């Protein structure tokens, strides 16, 4: 697919990052790591007891960033849906974080932000 490289613009990436953190905070979602790649967002978060809370948080984040992007760029940001993959009890959280780090993710641990090179 021909994907637009949205998150290469640092100003826009910063806006999206602030929106993601604000919505996660508002809904009580603990984000473990995230990576804004040129054409997508990779996100690792703890699943709340009610998964609908996570879905609502993503919906509000996507709406906020979609509106802002549409105002500035006059086109859509998100393609509609998103894909989620849950980590099961058999999966290693450390392995998942290591995979995110390979993408250059910002890893949030113990309330600290660790920007990866």
Protein backbone atom coordinates (compact mmCIF):
# COMPACT_ATOMS: atom_id res chain seq x y z
CA UNK A 1 0.00 0.00 0.00
CA UNK A 2 1.04 3.56 -0.65
CA UNK A 3 1.13 5.05 2.86
CA UNK A 4 1.59 8.71 3.56
CA UNK A 5 4.49 9.54 5.84
CA UNK A 6 2.66 11.66 8.37
CA UNK A 7 4.85 11.37 11.44
CA UNK A 8 8.08 12.60 9.83
CA UNK A 9 7.02 16.18 10.62
CA UNK A 10 8.31 16.88 14.15
CA UNK A 11 5.66 19.50 14.92
CA UNK A 12 2.87 17.14 13.96
CA UNK A 13 4.52 14.20 15.74
CA UNK A 14 4.78 16.30 18.91
CA UNK A 15 1.09 17.22 18.71
CA UNK A 16 0.09 13.58 18.30
CA UNK A 17 2.34 12.50 21.18
CA UNK A 18 0.79 15.09 23.52
CA UNK A 19 -2.69 14.02 22.47
CA UNK A 20 -1.89 10.34 23.04
CA UNK A 21 -0.51 10.99 26.51
CA UNK A 22 -3.41 13.28 27.45
CA UNK A 23 -6.05 10.78 26.37
CA UNK A 24 -4.26 7.88 28.06
CA UNK A 25 -4.06 9.91 31.25
CA UNK A 26 -7.73 10.91 31.01
CA UNK A 27 -8.85 7.29 30.64
CA UNK A 28 -6.34 5.85 33.11
CA UNK A 29 -4.51 3.79 30.48
CA UNK A 30 -0.90 2.93 31.35
CA UNK A 31 1.20 3.29 28.22
CA UNK A 32 4.34 1.16 28.34
CA UNK A 33 5.90 2.17 25.02
CA UNK A 34 5.01 3.92 21.78
CA UNK A 35 6.67 4.65 18.47
CA UNK A 36 5.48 7.14 15.89
CA UNK A 37 6.77 5.60 12.67
CA UNK A 38 6.52 7.56 9.43
CA UNK A 39 3.14 6.06 8.45
CA UNK A 40 1.74 4.57 11.65
CA UNK A 41 1.72 4.43 15.43
CA UNK A 42 2.92 1.39 17.36
CA UNK A 43 1.55 1.33 20.91
CA UNK A 44 2.12 -0.99 23.85
CA UNK A 45 -0.17 -0.45 26.82
CA UNK A 46 -1.56 -2.35 29.78
CA UNK A 47 -5.04 -3.63 29.09
CA UNK A 48 -7.57 -2.19 31.55
CA UNK A 49 -10.07 -4.56 33.19
CA UNK A 50 -12.70 -3.27 30.75
CA UNK A 51 -11.20 -3.30 27.24
CA UNK A 52 -13.86 -0.83 26.11
CA UNK A 53 -11.99 1.85 28.06
CA UNK A 54 -8.92 1.28 25.86
CA UNK A 55 -11.09 1.43 22.73
CA UNK A 56 -12.63 4.73 23.89
CA UNK A 57 -9.21 6.20 24.62
CA UNK A 58 -8.02 5.29 21.11
CA UNK A 59 -11.23 6.66 19.59
CA UNK A 60 -10.78 10.04 21.30
CA UNK A 61 -7.07 10.15 20.41
CA UNK A 62 -7.81 9.34 16.78
CA UNK A 63 -10.63 11.91 16.64
CA UNK A 64 -8.49 14.66 18.14
CA UNK A 65 -5.55 14.06 15.84
CA UNK A 66 -7.80 13.51 12.80
CA UNK A 67 -9.53 16.87 13.28
CA UNK A 68 -6.27 18.74 13.78
CA UNK A 69 -4.62 17.06 10.80
CA UNK A 70 -7.62 17.66 8.55
CA UNK A 71 -7.65 21.36 9.46
CA UNK A 72 -3.98 21.75 8.57
CA UNK A 73 -3.51 19.31 5.70
CA UNK A 74 -7.04 19.13 4.26
CA UNK A 75 -7.01 15.34 4.16
CA UNK A 76 -7.63 12.37 6.42
CA UNK A 77 -5.05 11.07 8.82
CA UNK A 78 -6.34 7.65 9.84
CA UNK A 79 -7.62 5.02 7.47
CA UNK A 80 -10.51 4.10 9.73
CA UNK A 81 -9.82 1.15 11.96
CA UNK A 82 -6.80 0.10 13.92
CA UNK A 83 -5.26 -3.30 14.55
CA UNK A 84 -4.60 -4.55 18.04
CA UNK A 85 -2.68 -7.58 19.18
CA UNK A 86 -2.91 -8.60 22.77
CA UNK A 87 0.03 -9.97 24.68
CA UNK A 88 -1.03 -13.13 26.47
CA UNK A 89 0.30 -14.54 29.71
CA UNK A 90 2.58 -16.77 27.62
CA UNK A 91 4.17 -13.74 25.94
CA UNK A 92 7.08 -11.86 27.45
CA UNK A 93 6.51 -8.20 28.20
CA UNK A 94 10.26 -7.70 28.08
CA UNK A 95 10.35 -9.16 24.56
CA UNK A 96 7.49 -6.89 23.49
CA UNK A 97 9.31 -3.83 24.85
CA UNK A 98 12.54 -4.96 23.17
CA UNK A 99 10.67 -5.18 19.85
CA UNK A 100 9.32 -1.67 20.40
CA UNK A 101 12.82 -0.42 21.15
CA UNK A 102 13.99 -1.75 17.79
CA UNK A 103 11.45 0.63 16.27
CA UNK A 104 12.95 3.55 18.19
CA UNK A 105 10.10 3.63 20.69
CA UNK A 106 9.75 5.91 23.65
CA UNK A 107 9.56 3.52 26.59
CA UNK A 108 7.71 4.61 29.69
CA UNK A 109 8.74 2.74 32.82
CA UNK A 110 8.07 3.68 36.40
CA UNK A 111 6.71 7.07 35.35
CA UNK A 112 9.92 7.96 33.49
CA UNK A 113 10.26 8.58 29.79
CA UNK A 114 13.19 6.94 28.07
CA UNK A 115 13.63 8.10 24.50
CA UNK A 116 15.37 5.43 22.46
CA UNK A 117 17.88 6.34 19.75
